[in-house]
Amino acid sequence: MVTSADILHAKILIVDDLEANVMLLQQMLKSAGYDQVDATSDPTEVCERHLVNRYDLILLDLQMPGMDGFQVMENLKEIETGGYLPVLVITAQPQHKLRALQVGARDFVSKPFDLPEVLLRVRNMIEVRLLHLETRKLYEALLAEKNVSARLLLETLPPRTAEKLASKSDEVVTGSYAELTMLFSQLAEFTRFSEGAGAQVLTGVLESLADRVDGGADPIGGAWLAAVGLPDAVAAHTVRAAQKAVDLKAAVESFNARSSYQLQFRVGLQTGAAVGPAETKKGRRTRSLK
């Protein structure tokens, strides 16, 4: 949330070659409670000042000797690469307003000044600017959190599963399958076991258990899910799913025999028709959809 205190504490720069205008605007803003108001009569200083101070609002006169306000805005675009120029232009020429907005200005005030109007436009612009910055920070924080989550996922999941999840070449489409067998298995006591083991140990245990299965079943935490007959039809899929369950049970018993932990193994099987994803990769024949 942007508060009134945030708005009054915003950084403002006044740019006008006429000292009387500068003094009038400074006095008006300070009387309204704004406590960070700078000013310059040299338009060539604007970009350097903005690089140092990152102003929330620049009150910019358009007609100045040496460099006009339009050129100043063009130079500011090289700094504000996000495309948002915090510029409120000052002009006495009505025909300049449209051009100023096209160049990148967010609003304008006319000469001679209507002080209540100037204060309202200044406040509105600063509020929008601060909301823009706050939204950008939230987006960057979400992006950073997403990247951390993705990194943790790839570091903690078994490599085989992580590689599949991280693949950039897969496209998922929907296909129908006449019949398949779903296998779901789970390790009881796995949570308690994981509390006393590091990520590397957990990964090694899960991989060693998964290696006992003839492909198609990947561990996610203490559980496995396999679809026998998806995406390609498999003869005797029920038998093959049952064999996977037997292999996993044997792997768990082998682990228990050499560990102080005694993991319990649970399994469920379901056979029937399904509608699910069919993978297509570069270089692989694309499945036809029903």
C-alpha atoms as a PDB file:
ATOM      1  CA  MET A   1       0.000   0.000   0.000  1.00  0.00           C
ATOM      2  CA  VAL A   2       1.129   3.540  -0.817  1.00  0.00           C
ATOM      3  CA  THR A   3       0.458   5.892   2.106  1.00  0.00           C
ATOM      4  CA  SER A   4       0.187   9.685   2.241  1.00  0.00           C
ATOM      5  CA  ALA A   5       3.536   9.737   4.051  1.00  0.00           C
ATOM      6  CA  ASP A   6       5.123   7.785   1.179  1.00  0.00           C
ATOM      7  CA  ILE A   7       3.770  10.310  -1.319  1.00  0.00           C
ATOM      8  CA  LEU A   8       4.982  13.347   0.634  1.00  0.00           C
ATOM      9  CA  HIS A   9       8.406  11.727   1.027  1.00  0.00           C
ATOM     10  CA  ALA A  10       8.756  11.101  -2.728  1.00  0.00           C
ATOM     11  CA  LYS A  11      11.773  12.526  -4.552  1.00  0.00           C
ATOM     12  CA  ILE A  12      10.853  15.365  -6.909  1.00  0.00           C
ATOM     13  CA  LEU A  13      12.977  17.268  -9.422  1.00  0.00           C
ATOM     14  CA  ILE A  14      11.879  20.583 -10.970  1.00  0.00           C
ATOM     15  CA  VAL A  15      13.479  21.426 -14.338  1.00  0.00           C
ATOM     16  CA  ASP A  16      12.823  24.935 -15.693  1.00  0.00           C
ATOM     17  CA  ASP A  17      15.122  27.615 -17.066  1.00  0.00           C
ATOM     18  CA  LEU A  18      13.019  30.395 -15.510  1.00  0.00           C
ATOM     19  CA  GLU A  19      14.009  30.950 -11.887  1.00  0.00           C
ATOM     20  CA  ALA A  20      10.604  32.451 -11.026  1.00  0.00           C
ATOM     21  CA  ASN A  21       8.833  29.241 -12.090  1.00  0.00           C
ATOM     22  CA  VAL A  22      11.283  27.122 -10.105  1.00  0.00           C
ATOM     23  CA  MET A  23      10.799  29.196  -6.949  1.00  0.00           C
ATOM     24  CA  LEU A  24       7.002  29.153  -7.311  1.00  0.00           C
ATOM     25  CA  LEU A  25       6.846  25.355  -7.751  1.00  0.00           C
ATOM     26  CA  GLN A  26       9.314  24.738  -4.913  1.00  0.00           C
ATOM     27  CA  GLN A  27       7.345  26.906  -2.514  1.00  0.00           C
ATOM     28  CA  MET A  28       4.046  25.325  -3.569  1.00  0.00           C
ATOM     29  CA  LEU A  29       5.310  21.742  -3.102  1.00  0.00           C
ATOM     30  CA  LYS A  30       7.050  22.388   0.197  1.00  0.00           C
ATOM     31  CA  SER A  31       3.958  24.145   1.556  1.00  0.00           C
ATOM     32  CA  ALA A  32       1.950  21.049   0.603  1.00  0.00           C
ATOM     33  CA  GLY A  33       4.294  18.883   2.719  1.00  0.00           C
ATOM     34  CA  TYR A  34       6.699  17.464   0.143  1.00  0.00           C
ATOM     35  CA  ASP A  35      10.092  17.251   1.839  1.00  0.00           C
ATOM     36  CA  GLN A  36      12.449  16.111  -0.941  1.00  0.00           C
ATOM     37  CA  VAL A  37      12.249  18.707  -3.702  1.00  0.00           C
ATOM     38  CA  ASP A  38      15.286  19.440  -5.904  1.00  0.00           C
ATOM     39  CA  ALA A  39      15.546  21.864  -8.800  1.00  0.00           C
ATOM     40  CA  THR A  40      17.798  22.717 -11.726  1.00  0.00           C
ATOM     41  CA  SER A  41      17.713  25.218 -14.580  1.00  0.00           C
ATOM     42  CA  ASP A  42      20.154  23.135 -16.657  1.00  0.00           C
ATOM     43  CA  PRO A  43      18.396  20.378 -18.684  1.00  0.00           C
ATOM     44  CA  THR A  44      21.723  18.659 -19.383  1.00  0.00           C
ATOM     45  CA  GLU A  45      21.952  17.745 -15.678  1.00  0.00           C
ATOM     46  CA  VAL A  46      18.655  15.856 -15.540  1.00  0.00           C
ATOM     47  CA  CYS A  47      19.853  12.377 -16.540  1.00  0.00           C
ATOM     48  CA  GLU A  48      22.896  12.470 -14.254  1.00  0.00           C
ATOM     49  CA  ARG A  49      20.757  13.636 -11.338  1.00  0.00           C
ATOM     50  CA  HIS A  50      18.158  10.966 -12.030  1.00  0.00           C
ATOM     51  CA  LEU A  51      20.812   8.246 -12.136  1.00  0.00           C
ATOM     52  CA  VAL A  52      21.948   9.271  -8.656  1.00  0.00           C
ATOM     53  CA  ASN A  53      18.591  10.061  -7.025  1.00  0.00           C
ATOM     54  CA  ARG A  54      16.016   8.020  -8.981  1.00  0.00           C
ATOM     55  CA  TYR A  55      13.320  10.663  -8.750  1.00  0.00           C
ATOM     56  CA  ASP A  56       9.697   9.621  -8.328  1.00  0.00           C
ATOM     57  CA  LEU A  57       8.573  12.669 -10.300  1.00  0.00           C
ATOM     58  CA  ILE A  58      10.287  15.077 -12.697  1.00  0.00           C
ATOM     59  CA  LEU A  59       8.460  18.347 -13.382  1.00  0.00           C
ATOM     60  CA  LEU A  60       9.915  19.175 -16.797  1.00  0.00           C
ATOM     61  CA  ASP A  61       9.587  22.378 -18.799  1.00  0.00           C
ATOM     62  CA  LEU A  62       9.500  21.702 -22.546  1.00  0.00           C
ATOM     63  CA  GLN A  63      10.904  24.969 -23.903  1.00  0.00           C
ATOM     64  CA  MET A  64      14.441  25.521 -22.654  1.00  0.00           C
ATOM     65  CA  PRO A  65      17.592  26.779 -24.377  1.00  0.00           C
ATOM     66  CA  GLY A  66      20.306  24.295 -25.317  1.00  0.00           C
ATOM     67  CA  MET A  67      18.210  21.143 -24.825  1.00  0.00           C
ATOM     68  CA  ASP A  68      14.436  21.085 -24.866  1.00  0.00           C
ATOM     69  CA  GLY A  69      12.240  18.832 -22.756  1.00  0.00           C
ATOM     70  CA  PHE A  70      11.615  16.410 -25.626  1.00  0.00           C
ATOM     71  CA  GLN A  71      15.317  15.578 -25.870  1.00  0.00           C
ATOM     72  CA  VAL A  72      15.518  15.243 -22.090  1.00  0.00           C
ATOM     73  CA  MET A  73      12.762  12.615 -22.213  1.00  0.00           C
ATOM     74  CA  GLU A  74      14.517  10.743 -25.008  1.00  0.00           C
ATOM     75  CA  ASN A  75      17.657  10.635 -22.848  1.00  0.00           C
ATOM     76  CA  LEU A  76      15.691   9.491 -19.814  1.00  0.00           C
ATOM     77  CA  LYS A  77      14.399   6.503 -21.784  1.00  0.00           C
ATOM     78  CA  GLU A  78      17.928   5.091 -21.768  1.00  0.00           C
ATOM     79  CA  ILE A  79      17.779   5.065 -17.954  1.00  0.00           C
ATOM     80  CA  GLU A  80      14.161   4.032 -17.429  1.00  0.00           C
ATOM     81  CA  THR A  81      14.437   0.894 -19.539  1.00  0.00           C
ATOM     82  CA  GLY A  82      11.154  -0.414 -18.147  1.00  0.00           C
ATOM     83  CA  GLY A  83       9.358   2.158 -20.279  1.00  0.00           C
ATOM     84  CA  TYR A  84       7.874   4.219 -17.433  1.00  0.00           C
ATOM     85  CA  LEU A  85       9.038   7.858 -17.447  1.00  0.00           C
ATOM     86  CA  PRO A  86       8.039   9.672 -14.226  1.00  0.00           C
ATOM     87  CA  VAL A  87       7.705  12.954 -16.139  1.00  0.00           C
ATOM     88  CA  LEU A  88       5.067  15.638 -15.681  1.00  0.00           C
ATOM     89  CA  VAL A  89       5.659  18.191 -18.436  1.00  0.00           C
ATOM     90  CA  ILE A  90       5.183  21.946 -18.085  1.00  0.00           C
ATOM     91  CA  THR A  91       4.090  23.766 -21.207  1.00  0.00           C
ATOM     92  CA  ALA A  92       2.390  26.950 -22.349  1.00  0.00           C
ATOM     93  CA  GLN A  93       1.866  25.549 -25.863  1.00  0.00           C
ATOM     94  CA  PRO A  94      -1.301  23.404 -26.277  1.00  0.00           C
ATOM     95  CA  GLN A  95       0.113  21.809 -29.439  1.00  0.00           C
ATOM     96  CA  HIS A  96       3.029  20.375 -27.451  1.00  0.00           C
ATOM     97  CA  LYS A  97       0.846  18.323 -25.106  1.00  0.00           C
ATOM     98  CA  LEU A  98       0.057  15.489 -27.505  1.00  0.00           C
ATOM     99  CA  ARG A  99       3.668  15.221 -28.669  1.00  0.00           C
ATOM    100  CA  ALA A 100       4.891  15.144 -25.070  1.00  0.00           C
ATOM    101  CA  LEU A 101       2.539  12.276 -24.234  1.00  0.00           C
ATOM    102  CA  GLN A 102       3.663  10.418 -27.364  1.00  0.00           C
ATOM    103  CA  VAL A 103       7.311  10.810 -26.368  1.00  0.00           C
ATOM    104  CA  GLY A 104       6.660   9.282 -22.953  1.00  0.00           C
ATOM    105  CA  ALA A 105       5.387  11.934 -20.528  1.00  0.00           C
ATOM    106  CA  ARG A 106       2.695  10.686 -18.149  1.00  0.00           C
ATOM    107  CA  ASP A 107       0.807  13.952 -17.723  1.00  0.00           C
ATOM    108  CA  PHE A 108       1.126  17.702 -18.178  1.00  0.00           C
ATOM    109  CA  VAL A 109       0.388  21.038 -16.491  1.00  0.00           C
ATOM    110  CA  SER A 110      -0.211  24.272 -18.329  1.00  0.00           C
ATOM    111  CA  LYS A 111       1.227  27.710 -17.860  1.00  0.00           C
ATOM    112  CA  PRO A 112       0.168  29.913 -16.187  1.00  0.00           C
ATOM    113  CA  PHE A 113      -0.120  27.527 -13.243  1.00  0.00           C
ATOM    114  CA  ASP A 114      -3.390  26.602 -11.603  1.00  0.00           C
ATOM    115  CA  LEU A 115      -1.892  25.679  -8.211  1.00  0.00           C
ATOM    116  CA  PRO A 116      -4.664  23.317  -6.980  1.00  0.00           C
ATOM    117  CA  GLU A 117      -4.557  21.485 -10.325  1.00  0.00           C
ATOM    118  CA  VAL A 118      -0.755  21.205 -10.197  1.00  0.00           C
ATOM    119  CA  LEU A 119      -0.858  19.734  -6.686  1.00  0.00           C
ATOM    120  CA  LEU A 120      -3.536  17.218  -7.686  1.00  0.00           C
ATOM    121  CA  ARG A 121      -1.643  16.077 -10.776  1.00  0.00           C
ATOM    122  CA  VAL A 122       1.615  15.845  -8.817  1.00  0.00           C
ATOM    123  CA  ARG A 123       0.001  13.698  -6.124  1.00  0.00           C
ATOM    124  CA  ASN A 124      -1.725  11.428  -8.646  1.00  0.00           C
ATOM    125  CA  MET A 125       1.454  10.909 -10.624  1.00  0.00           C
ATOM    126  CA  ILE A 126       3.564  10.129  -7.583  1.00  0.00           C
ATOM    127  CA  GLU A 127       0.996   7.617  -6.335  1.00  0.00           C
ATOM    128  CA  VAL A 128       0.985   5.833  -9.707  1.00  0.00           C
ATOM    129  CA  ARG A 129       4.786   5.869  -9.795  1.00  0.00           C
ATOM    130  CA  LEU A 130       5.102   4.358  -6.318  1.00  0.00           C
ATOM    131  CA  LEU A 131       2.495   1.705  -7.131  1.00  0.00           C
ATOM    132  CA  HIS A 132       4.429   0.889 -10.306  1.00  0.00           C
ATOM    133  CA  LEU A 133       7.649   0.426  -8.326  1.00  0.00           C
ATOM    134  CA  GLU A 134       5.874  -1.641  -5.668  1.00  0.00           C
ATOM    135  CA  THR A 135       4.338  -3.910  -8.306  1.00  0.00           C
ATOM    136  CA  ARG A 136       7.707  -4.394  -9.982  1.00  0.00           C
ATOM    137  CA  LYS A 137       9.314  -5.335  -6.653  1.00  0.00           C
ATOM    138  CA  LEU A 138       6.555  -7.879  -5.985  1.00  0.00           C
ATOM    139  CA  TYR A 139       7.017  -9.356  -9.451  1.00  0.00           C
ATOM    140  CA  GLU A 140      10.775  -9.624  -8.987  1.00  0.00           C
ATOM    141  CA  ALA A 141      10.280 -11.232  -5.567  1.00  0.00           C
ATOM    142  CA  LEU A 142       7.844 -13.773  -7.018  1.00  0.00           C
ATOM    143  CA  LEU A 143      10.239 -14.515  -9.872  1.00  0.00           C
ATOM    144  CA  ALA A 144      13.123 -15.005  -7.434  1.00  0.00           C
ATOM    145  CA  GLU A 145      10.969 -17.290  -5.281  1.00  0.00           C
ATOM    146  CA  LYS A 146       9.983 -19.295  -8.340  1.00  0.00           C
ATOM    147  CA  ASN A 147      13.628 -19.711  -9.334  1.00  0.00           C
ATOM    148  CA  VAL A 148      14.575 -20.819  -5.810  1.00  0.00           C
ATOM    149  CA  SER A 149      11.689 -23.301  -5.737  1.00  0.00           C
ATOM    150  CA  ALA A 150      12.717 -24.709  -9.111  1.00  0.00           C
ATOM    151  CA  ARG A 151      16.335 -25.042  -7.969  1.00  0.00           C
ATOM    152  CA  LEU A 152      15.332 -26.770  -4.732  1.00  0.00           C
ATOM    153  CA  LEU A 153      13.056 -29.104  -6.660  1.00  0.00           C
ATOM    154  CA  LEU A 154      15.826 -30.120  -9.018  1.00  0.00           C
ATOM    155  CA  GLU A 155      18.289 -30.555  -6.147  1.00  0.00           C
ATOM    156  CA  THR A 156      16.049 -32.658  -3.922  1.00  0.00           C
ATOM    157  CA  LEU A 157      14.233 -34.861  -6.421  1.00  0.00           C
ATOM    158  CA  PRO A 158      16.024 -37.903  -7.820  1.00  0.00           C
ATOM    159  CA  PRO A 159      18.008 -36.971 -10.955  1.00  0.00           C
ATOM    160  CA  ARG A 160      15.840 -39.047 -13.275  1.00  0.00           C
ATOM    161  CA  THR A 161      12.660 -37.317 -12.123  1.00  0.00           C
ATOM    162  CA  ALA A 162      14.304 -33.879 -12.051  1.00  0.00           C
ATOM    163  CA  GLU A 163      15.534 -34.245 -15.622  1.00  0.00           C
ATOM    164  CA  LYS A 164      12.026 -35.000 -16.839  1.00  0.00           C
ATOM    165  CA  LEU A 165      10.528 -32.052 -14.989  1.00  0.00           C
ATOM    166  CA  ALA A 166      13.242 -29.710 -16.268  1.00  0.00           C
ATOM    167  CA  SER A 167      12.949 -30.840 -19.902  1.00  0.00           C
ATOM    168  CA  LYS A 168      12.296 -27.933 -22.276  1.00  0.00           C
ATOM    169  CA  SER A 169      11.555 -29.998 -25.373  1.00  0.00           C
ATOM    170  CA  ASP A 170       8.395 -31.785 -24.189  1.00  0.00           C
ATOM    171  CA  GLU A 171       4.953 -30.836 -25.360  1.00  0.00           C
ATOM    172  CA  VAL A 172       1.953 -32.313 -23.599  1.00  0.00           C
ATOM    173  CA  VAL A 173      -1.240 -33.061 -25.521  1.00  0.00           C
ATOM    174  CA  THR A 174      -4.349 -35.002 -24.591  1.00  0.00           C
ATOM    175  CA  GLY A 175      -4.969 -38.512 -25.883  1.00  0.00           C
ATOM    176  CA  SER A 176      -7.340 -41.359 -25.062  1.00  0.00           C
ATOM    177  CA  TYR A 177      -6.171 -44.847 -24.053  1.00  0.00           C
ATOM    178  CA  ALA A 178      -8.293 -47.955 -24.186  1.00  0.00           C
ATOM    179  CA  GLU A 179      -6.922 -49.617 -21.050  1.00  0.00           C
ATOM    180  CA  LEU A 180      -4.021 -49.297 -18.636  1.00  0.00           C
ATOM    181  CA  THR A 181      -3.079 -50.141 -15.081  1.00  0.00           C
ATOM    182  CA  MET A 182      -2.224 -47.487 -12.529  1.00  0.00           C
ATOM    183  CA  LEU A 183       0.166 -48.377  -9.722  1.00  0.00           C
ATOM    184  CA  PHE A 184       0.411 -46.238  -6.612  1.00  0.00           C
ATOM    185  CA  SER A 185       2.770 -47.169  -3.818  1.00  0.00           C
ATOM    186  CA  GLN A 186       3.742 -45.422  -0.617  1.00  0.00           C
ATOM    187  CA  LEU A 187       6.304 -45.821   2.150  1.00  0.00           C
ATOM    188  CA  ALA A 188       4.904 -45.627   5.667  1.00  0.00           C
ATOM    189  CA  GLU A 189       7.190 -44.064   8.290  1.00  0.00           C
ATOM    190  CA  PHE A 190       8.989 -42.202   5.503  1.00  0.00           C
ATOM    191  CA  THR A 191       8.423 -38.788   7.112  1.00  0.00           C
ATOM    192  CA  ARG A 192      10.069 -39.889  10.346  1.00  0.00           C
ATOM    193  CA  PHE A 193      12.907 -41.463   8.398  1.00  0.00           C
ATOM    194  CA  SER A 194      13.439 -38.274   6.334  1.00  0.00           C
ATOM    195  CA  GLU A 195      13.724 -36.125   9.474  1.00  0.00           C
ATOM    196  CA  GLY A 196      16.932 -37.887  10.440  1.00  0.00           C
ATOM    197  CA  ALA A 197      18.510 -38.083   6.987  1.00  0.00           C
ATOM    198  CA  GLY A 198      20.027 -35.446   4.717  1.00  0.00           C
ATOM    199  CA  ALA A 199      18.885 -34.680   1.171  1.00  0.00           C
ATOM    200  CA  GLN A 200      21.745 -36.668  -0.354  1.00  0.00           C
ATOM    201  CA  VAL A 201      20.890 -39.773   1.692  1.00  0.00           C
ATOM    202  CA  LEU A 202      17.191 -39.482   0.863  1.00  0.00           C
ATOM    203  CA  THR A 203      17.935 -39.119  -2.826  1.00  0.00           C
ATOM    204  CA  GLY A 204      20.196 -42.141  -2.762  1.00  0.00           C
ATOM    205  CA  VAL A 205      17.596 -44.288  -0.978  1.00  0.00           C
ATOM    206  CA  LEU A 206      14.792 -43.323  -3.338  1.00  0.00           C
ATOM    207  CA  GLU A 207      16.961 -43.869  -6.403  1.00  0.00           C
ATOM    208  CA  SER A 208      18.109 -47.267  -5.170  1.00  0.00           C
ATOM    209  CA  LEU A 209      14.498 -48.313  -4.666  1.00  0.00           C
ATOM    210  CA  ALA A 210      13.412 -46.946  -8.046  1.00  0.00           C
ATOM    211  CA  ASP A 211      16.270 -48.757  -9.814  1.00  0.00           C
ATOM    212  CA  ARG A 212      14.690 -52.064  -8.787  1.00  0.00           C
ATOM    213  CA  VAL A 213      11.660 -51.254 -10.914  1.00  0.00           C
ATOM    214  CA  ASP A 214      11.639 -51.876 -14.652  1.00  0.00           C
ATOM    215  CA  GLY A 215      11.144 -48.213 -15.687  1.00  0.00           C
ATOM    216  CA  GLY A 216       8.020 -46.082 -15.639  1.00  0.00           C
ATOM    217  CA  ALA A 217       7.800 -45.466 -11.887  1.00  0.00           C
ATOM    218  CA  ASP A 218       9.469 -42.450 -10.351  1.00  0.00           C
ATOM    219  CA  PRO A 219       9.609 -41.510  -6.676  1.00  0.00           C
ATOM    220  CA  ILE A 220       8.127 -38.227  -5.471  1.00  0.00           C
ATOM    221  CA  GLY A 221       8.840 -38.001  -1.773  1.00  0.00           C
ATOM    222  CA  GLY A 222       7.964 -41.389  -0.283  1.00  0.00           C
ATOM    223  CA  ALA A 223       5.550 -42.400  -3.043  1.00  0.00           C
ATOM    224  CA  TRP A 224       5.649 -43.867  -6.552  1.00  0.00           C
ATOM    225  CA  LEU A 225       3.130 -43.481  -9.325  1.00  0.00           C
ATOM    226  CA  ALA A 226       3.294 -45.506 -12.530  1.00  0.00           C
ATOM    227  CA  ALA A 227       0.917 -45.869 -15.487  1.00  0.00           C
ATOM    228  CA  VAL A 228       1.558 -49.172 -17.258  1.00  0.00           C
ATOM    229  CA  GLY A 229       0.255 -48.854 -20.795  1.00  0.00           C
ATOM    230  CA  LEU A 230       0.651 -45.055 -21.041  1.00  0.00           C
ATOM    231  CA  PRO A 231       1.440 -43.545 -23.480  1.00  0.00           C
ATOM    232  CA  ASP A 232       2.173 -46.723 -25.497  1.00  0.00           C
ATOM    233  CA  ALA A 233      -0.016 -49.822 -25.300  1.00  0.00           C
ATOM    234  CA  VAL A 234       1.597 -52.658 -23.328  1.00  0.00           C
ATOM    235  CA  ALA A 235       0.507 -56.282 -23.410  1.00  0.00           C
ATOM    236  CA  ALA A 236      -0.379 -57.805 -20.024  1.00  0.00           C
ATOM    237  CA  HIS A 237      -0.126 -54.382 -18.385  1.00  0.00           C
ATOM    238  CA  THR A 238      -1.811 -55.644 -15.218  1.00  0.00           C
ATOM    239  CA  VAL A 239       0.830 -58.353 -14.781  1.00  0.00           C
ATOM    240  CA  ARG A 240       3.632 -55.892 -15.422  1.00  0.00           C
ATOM    241  CA  ALA A 241       2.218 -53.415 -12.894  1.00  0.00           C
ATOM    242  CA  ALA A 242       1.999 -56.160 -10.316  1.00  0.00           C
ATOM    243  CA  GLN A 243       5.606 -57.088 -11.024  1.00  0.00           C
ATOM    244  CA  LYS A 244       6.627 -53.479 -10.389  1.00  0.00           C
ATOM    245  CA  ALA A 245       4.891 -53.667  -7.001  1.00  0.00           C
ATOM    246  CA  VAL A 246       6.700 -56.922  -6.174  1.00  0.00           C
ATOM    247  CA  ASP A 247      10.038 -55.376  -7.174  1.00  0.00           C
ATOM    248  CA  LEU A 248       9.418 -52.332  -4.971  1.00  0.00           C
ATOM    249  CA  LYS A 249       8.438 -54.542  -2.040  1.00  0.00           C
ATOM    250  CA  ALA A 250      11.660 -56.539  -2.450  1.00  0.00           C
ATOM    251  CA  ALA A 251      13.686 -53.306  -2.605  1.00  0.00           C
ATOM    252  CA  VAL A 252      12.103 -52.035   0.622  1.00  0.00           C
ATOM    253  CA  GLU A 253      12.759 -55.354   2.381  1.00  0.00           C
ATOM    254  CA  SER A 254      16.387 -55.220   1.204  1.00  0.00           C
ATOM    255  CA  PHE A 255      16.721 -51.702   2.610  1.00  0.00           C
ATOM    256  CA  ASN A 256      15.156 -52.722   5.936  1.00  0.00           C
ATOM    257  CA  ALA A 257      17.583 -55.635   6.237  1.00  0.00           C
ATOM    258  CA  ARG A 258      20.575 -53.296   6.352  1.00  0.00           C
ATOM    259  CA  SER A 259      18.998 -50.294   8.113  1.00  0.00           C
ATOM    260  CA  SER A 260      17.803 -49.534  11.625  1.00  0.00           C
ATOM    261  CA  TYR A 261      14.656 -48.049  10.065  1.00  0.00           C
ATOM    262  CA  GLN A 262      11.833 -50.430   9.186  1.00  0.00           C
ATOM    263  CA  LEU A 263       9.853 -48.873   6.367  1.00  0.00           C
ATOM    264  CA  GLN A 264       6.394 -50.255   5.612  1.00  0.00           C
ATOM    265  CA  PHE A 265       5.243 -50.654   2.023  1.00  0.00           C
ATOM    266  CA  ARG A 266       1.698 -50.008   0.769  1.00  0.00           C
ATOM    267  CA  VAL A 267       0.488 -50.483  -2.786  1.00  0.00           C
ATOM    268  CA  GLY A 268      -2.678 -50.001  -4.836  1.00  0.00           C
ATOM    269  CA  LEU A 269      -3.556 -51.091  -8.398  1.00  0.00           C
ATOM    270  CA  GLN A 270      -6.367 -49.902 -10.655  1.00  0.00           C
ATOM    271  CA  THR A 271      -7.098 -51.130 -14.181  1.00  0.00           C
ATOM    272  CA  GLY A 272      -9.377 -49.428 -16.714  1.00  0.00           C
ATOM    273  CA  ALA A 273      -9.753 -46.889 -19.506  1.00  0.00           C
ATOM    274  CA  ALA A 274      -8.221 -43.434 -19.162  1.00  0.00           C
ATOM    275  CA  VAL A 275      -7.753 -40.065 -20.812  1.00  0.00           C
ATOM    276  CA  GLY A 276      -4.339 -38.605 -20.138  1.00  0.00           C
ATOM    277  CA  PRO A 277      -1.246 -36.861 -21.504  1.00  0.00           C
ATOM    278  CA  ALA A 278       0.706 -38.182 -24.452  1.00  0.00           C
ATOM    279  CA  GLU A 279       4.272 -36.929 -24.714  1.00  0.00           C
ATOM    280  CA  THR A 280       5.793 -35.723 -27.981  1.00  0.00           C
ATOM    281  CA  LYS A 281       9.436 -34.768 -28.246  1.00  0.00           C
ATOM    282  CA  LYS A 282      11.693 -33.506 -30.970  1.00  0.00           C
ATOM    283  CA  GLY A 283      12.585 -36.444 -33.140  1.00  0.00           C
ATOM    284  CA  ARG A 284       9.754 -38.618 -31.772  1.00  0.00           C
ATOM    285  CA  ARG A 285       6.683 -39.533 -33.790  1.00  0.00           C
ATOM    286  CA  THR A 286       3.654 -37.490 -32.720  1.00  0.00           C
ATOM    287  CA  ARG A 287       0.688 -39.558 -31.547  1.00  0.00           C
ATOM    288  CA  SER A 288      -2.617 -39.047 -33.291  1.00  0.00           C
ATOM    289  CA  LEU A 289      -5.399 -37.797 -31.061  1.00  0.00           C
ATOM    290  CA  LYS A 290      -8.812 -39.418 -30.760  1.00  0.00           C
END
